[in-house]
């Protein structure tokens, strides 16, 4: 475990990170940026800003998950189509060889 000190909302937090410290720092910077964005829009308390930031980040997550699932579905369809086309190609080659053999 790595100890990583990050700054979010002007406050320092020391976190225990299982992964790379740079990844934890990057996540903290993203959260801090989202919090700063929300707080710059009006007079919100830090707690309210954190809640709105969490909601915004979660909405982004859900959109990305949906997009990822759509891409997986599309890839699956392409793979199924590719398999179908390979079978059709093999059948066409067999027919061509059969026709050449009859000459």
C-alpha atoms as a PDB file:
ATOM      1  CA  UNK A   1       0.000   0.000   0.000  1.00  0.00           C
ATOM      2  CA  UNK A   2       1.162   3.481  -0.864  1.00  0.00           C
ATOM      3  CA  UNK A   3       0.463   6.578   1.184  1.00  0.00           C
ATOM      4  CA  UNK A   4      -0.582   9.414  -1.091  1.00  0.00           C
ATOM      5  CA  UNK A   5      -1.364  12.947   0.010  1.00  0.00           C
ATOM      6  CA  UNK A   6      -3.844  14.715  -2.255  1.00  0.00           C
ATOM      7  CA  UNK A   7      -5.642  18.048  -2.179  1.00  0.00           C
ATOM      8  CA  UNK A   8      -9.379  18.251  -2.785  1.00  0.00           C
ATOM      9  CA  UNK A   9     -11.364  21.384  -2.111  1.00  0.00           C
ATOM     10  CA  UNK A  10      -8.352  23.042  -0.529  1.00  0.00           C
ATOM     11  CA  UNK A  11      -8.001  20.291   2.046  1.00  0.00           C
ATOM     12  CA  UNK A  12      -5.191  17.757   2.241  1.00  0.00           C
ATOM     13  CA  UNK A  13      -6.044  14.076   2.513  1.00  0.00           C
ATOM     14  CA  UNK A  14      -3.615  11.232   3.073  1.00  0.00           C
ATOM     15  CA  UNK A  15      -4.915   8.123   1.381  1.00  0.00           C
ATOM     16  CA  UNK A  16      -3.776   4.520   1.306  1.00  0.00           C
ATOM     17  CA  UNK A  17      -3.648   3.483  -2.326  1.00  0.00           C
ATOM     18  CA  UNK A  18      -3.351  -0.114  -3.463  1.00  0.00           C
ATOM     19  CA  UNK A  19      -2.364   0.868  -6.984  1.00  0.00           C
ATOM     20  CA  UNK A  20      -0.024   3.406  -8.459  1.00  0.00           C
ATOM     21  CA  UNK A  21       0.269   6.649  -6.492  1.00  0.00           C
ATOM     22  CA  UNK A  22       0.128   8.631  -9.741  1.00  0.00           C
ATOM     23  CA  UNK A  23      -3.281   7.119 -10.534  1.00  0.00           C
ATOM     24  CA  UNK A  24      -4.599   8.137  -7.117  1.00  0.00           C
ATOM     25  CA  UNK A  25      -3.225  11.647  -7.626  1.00  0.00           C
ATOM     26  CA  UNK A  26      -4.859  11.855 -11.053  1.00  0.00           C
ATOM     27  CA  UNK A  27      -8.232  10.798  -9.617  1.00  0.00           C
ATOM     28  CA  UNK A  28      -7.939  13.377  -6.831  1.00  0.00           C
ATOM     29  CA  UNK A  29      -7.102  16.104  -9.344  1.00  0.00           C
ATOM     30  CA  UNK A  30     -10.154  15.166 -11.388  1.00  0.00           C
ATOM     31  CA  UNK A  31     -12.428  15.249  -8.334  1.00  0.00           C
ATOM     32  CA  UNK A  32     -10.907  18.555  -7.229  1.00  0.00           C
ATOM     33  CA  UNK A  33     -11.494  20.009 -10.694  1.00  0.00           C
ATOM     34  CA  UNK A  34     -15.126  18.910 -10.675  1.00  0.00           C
ATOM     35  CA  UNK A  35     -15.601  20.334  -7.186  1.00  0.00           C
ATOM     36  CA  UNK A  36     -14.003  23.641  -8.197  1.00  0.00           C
ATOM     37  CA  UNK A  37     -16.287  23.740 -11.241  1.00  0.00           C
ATOM     38  CA  UNK A  38     -19.411  23.233  -9.118  1.00  0.00           C
ATOM     39  CA  UNK A  39     -18.358  25.670  -6.408  1.00  0.00           C
ATOM     40  CA  UNK A  40     -17.546  28.411  -8.927  1.00  0.00           C
ATOM     41  CA  UNK A  41     -21.154  28.450 -10.068  1.00  0.00           C
ATOM     42  CA  UNK A  42     -22.629  29.991  -6.943  1.00  0.00           C
ATOM     43  CA  UNK A  43     -22.721  30.111  -3.193  1.00  0.00           C
ATOM     44  CA  UNK A  44     -22.666  26.491  -2.142  1.00  0.00           C
ATOM     45  CA  UNK A  45     -21.250  24.967   0.989  1.00  0.00           C
ATOM     46  CA  UNK A  46     -18.352  22.565   0.574  1.00  0.00           C
ATOM     47  CA  UNK A  47     -20.639  19.660   1.517  1.00  0.00           C
ATOM     48  CA  UNK A  48     -23.273  20.652  -1.047  1.00  0.00           C
ATOM     49  CA  UNK A  49     -20.538  21.108  -3.644  1.00  0.00           C
ATOM     50  CA  UNK A  50     -19.172  17.644  -2.865  1.00  0.00           C
ATOM     51  CA  UNK A  51     -22.608  16.090  -3.243  1.00  0.00           C
ATOM     52  CA  UNK A  52     -23.245  17.845  -6.569  1.00  0.00           C
ATOM     53  CA  UNK A  53     -19.772  16.898  -7.786  1.00  0.00           C
ATOM     54  CA  UNK A  54     -20.384  13.283  -6.820  1.00  0.00           C
ATOM     55  CA  UNK A  55     -23.671  13.361  -8.721  1.00  0.00           C
ATOM     56  CA  UNK A  56     -21.993  14.856 -11.810  1.00  0.00           C
ATOM     57  CA  UNK A  57     -19.144  12.332 -11.732  1.00  0.00           C
ATOM     58  CA  UNK A  58     -21.604   9.458 -11.281  1.00  0.00           C
ATOM     59  CA  UNK A  59     -23.674  10.716 -14.205  1.00  0.00           C
ATOM     60  CA  UNK A  60     -20.496  10.744 -16.327  1.00  0.00           C
ATOM     61  CA  UNK A  61     -19.719   7.210 -15.169  1.00  0.00           C
ATOM     62  CA  UNK A  62     -23.176   5.941 -16.106  1.00  0.00           C
ATOM     63  CA  UNK A  63     -22.979   7.603 -19.549  1.00  0.00           C
ATOM     64  CA  UNK A  64     -19.561   6.040 -20.163  1.00  0.00           C
ATOM     65  CA  UNK A  65     -20.801   2.631 -19.016  1.00  0.00           C
ATOM     66  CA  UNK A  66     -23.761   2.866 -21.378  1.00  0.00           C
ATOM     67  CA  UNK A  67     -21.474   3.935 -24.215  1.00  0.00           C
ATOM     68  CA  UNK A  68     -19.113   1.067 -23.433  1.00  0.00           C
ATOM     69  CA  UNK A  69     -21.990  -1.413 -23.443  1.00  0.00           C
ATOM     70  CA  UNK A  70     -23.193  -0.062 -26.794  1.00  0.00           C
ATOM     71  CA  UNK A  71     -19.701  -0.516 -28.230  1.00  0.00           C
ATOM     72  CA  UNK A  72     -19.554  -4.089 -26.879  1.00  0.00           C
ATOM     73  CA  UNK A  73     -22.907  -4.877 -28.496  1.00  0.00           C
ATOM     74  CA  UNK A  74     -21.791  -3.340 -31.784  1.00  0.00           C
ATOM     75  CA  UNK A  75     -18.508  -5.276 -31.704  1.00  0.00           C
ATOM     76  CA  UNK A  76     -20.408  -8.503 -31.022  1.00  0.00           C
ATOM     77  CA  UNK A  77     -22.657  -7.810 -34.021  1.00  0.00           C
ATOM     78  CA  UNK A  78     -19.597  -7.156 -36.222  1.00  0.00           C
ATOM     79  CA  UNK A  79     -17.969 -10.382 -35.071  1.00  0.00           C
ATOM     80  CA  UNK A  80     -21.139 -12.354 -35.764  1.00  0.00           C
ATOM     81  CA  UNK A  81     -21.386 -10.765 -39.223  1.00  0.00           C
ATOM     82  CA  UNK A  82     -17.715 -11.556 -39.870  1.00  0.00           C
ATOM     83  CA  UNK A  83     -18.263 -15.196 -38.914  1.00  0.00           C
ATOM     84  CA  UNK A  84     -21.294 -15.377 -41.219  1.00  0.00           C
ATOM     85  CA  UNK A  85     -19.321 -13.851 -44.101  1.00  0.00           C
ATOM     86  CA  UNK A  86     -16.425 -16.287 -43.562  1.00  0.00           C
ATOM     87  CA  UNK A  87     -18.853 -19.203 -43.805  1.00  0.00           C
ATOM     88  CA  UNK A  88     -20.376 -17.766 -46.974  1.00  0.00           C
ATOM     89  CA  UNK A  89     -16.879 -17.296 -48.443  1.00  0.00           C
ATOM     90  CA  UNK A  90     -15.927 -20.877 -47.634  1.00  0.00           C
ATOM     91  CA  UNK A  91     -19.118 -22.122 -49.278  1.00  0.00           C
ATOM     92  CA  UNK A  92     -18.471 -19.999 -52.376  1.00  0.00           C
ATOM     93  CA  UNK A  93     -14.919 -21.369 -52.635  1.00  0.00           C
ATOM     94  CA  UNK A  94     -16.247 -24.937 -52.411  1.00  0.00           C
ATOM     95  CA  UNK A  95     -18.743 -24.207 -55.193  1.00  0.00           C
ATOM     96  CA  UNK A  96     -16.017 -22.672 -57.385  1.00  0.00           C
ATOM     97  CA  UNK A  97     -13.759 -25.691 -56.892  1.00  0.00           C
ATOM     98  CA  UNK A  98     -16.676 -28.027 -57.642  1.00  0.00           C
ATOM     99  CA  UNK A  99     -17.470 -26.151 -60.840  1.00  0.00           C
ATOM    100  CA  UNK A 100     -13.812 -26.205 -61.923  1.00  0.00           C
ATOM    101  CA  UNK A 101     -13.734 -29.952 -61.306  1.00  0.00           C
ATOM    102  CA  UNK A 102     -16.694 -30.514 -63.686  1.00  0.00           C
ATOM    103  CA  UNK A 103     -14.817 -28.960 -66.641  1.00  0.00           C
END
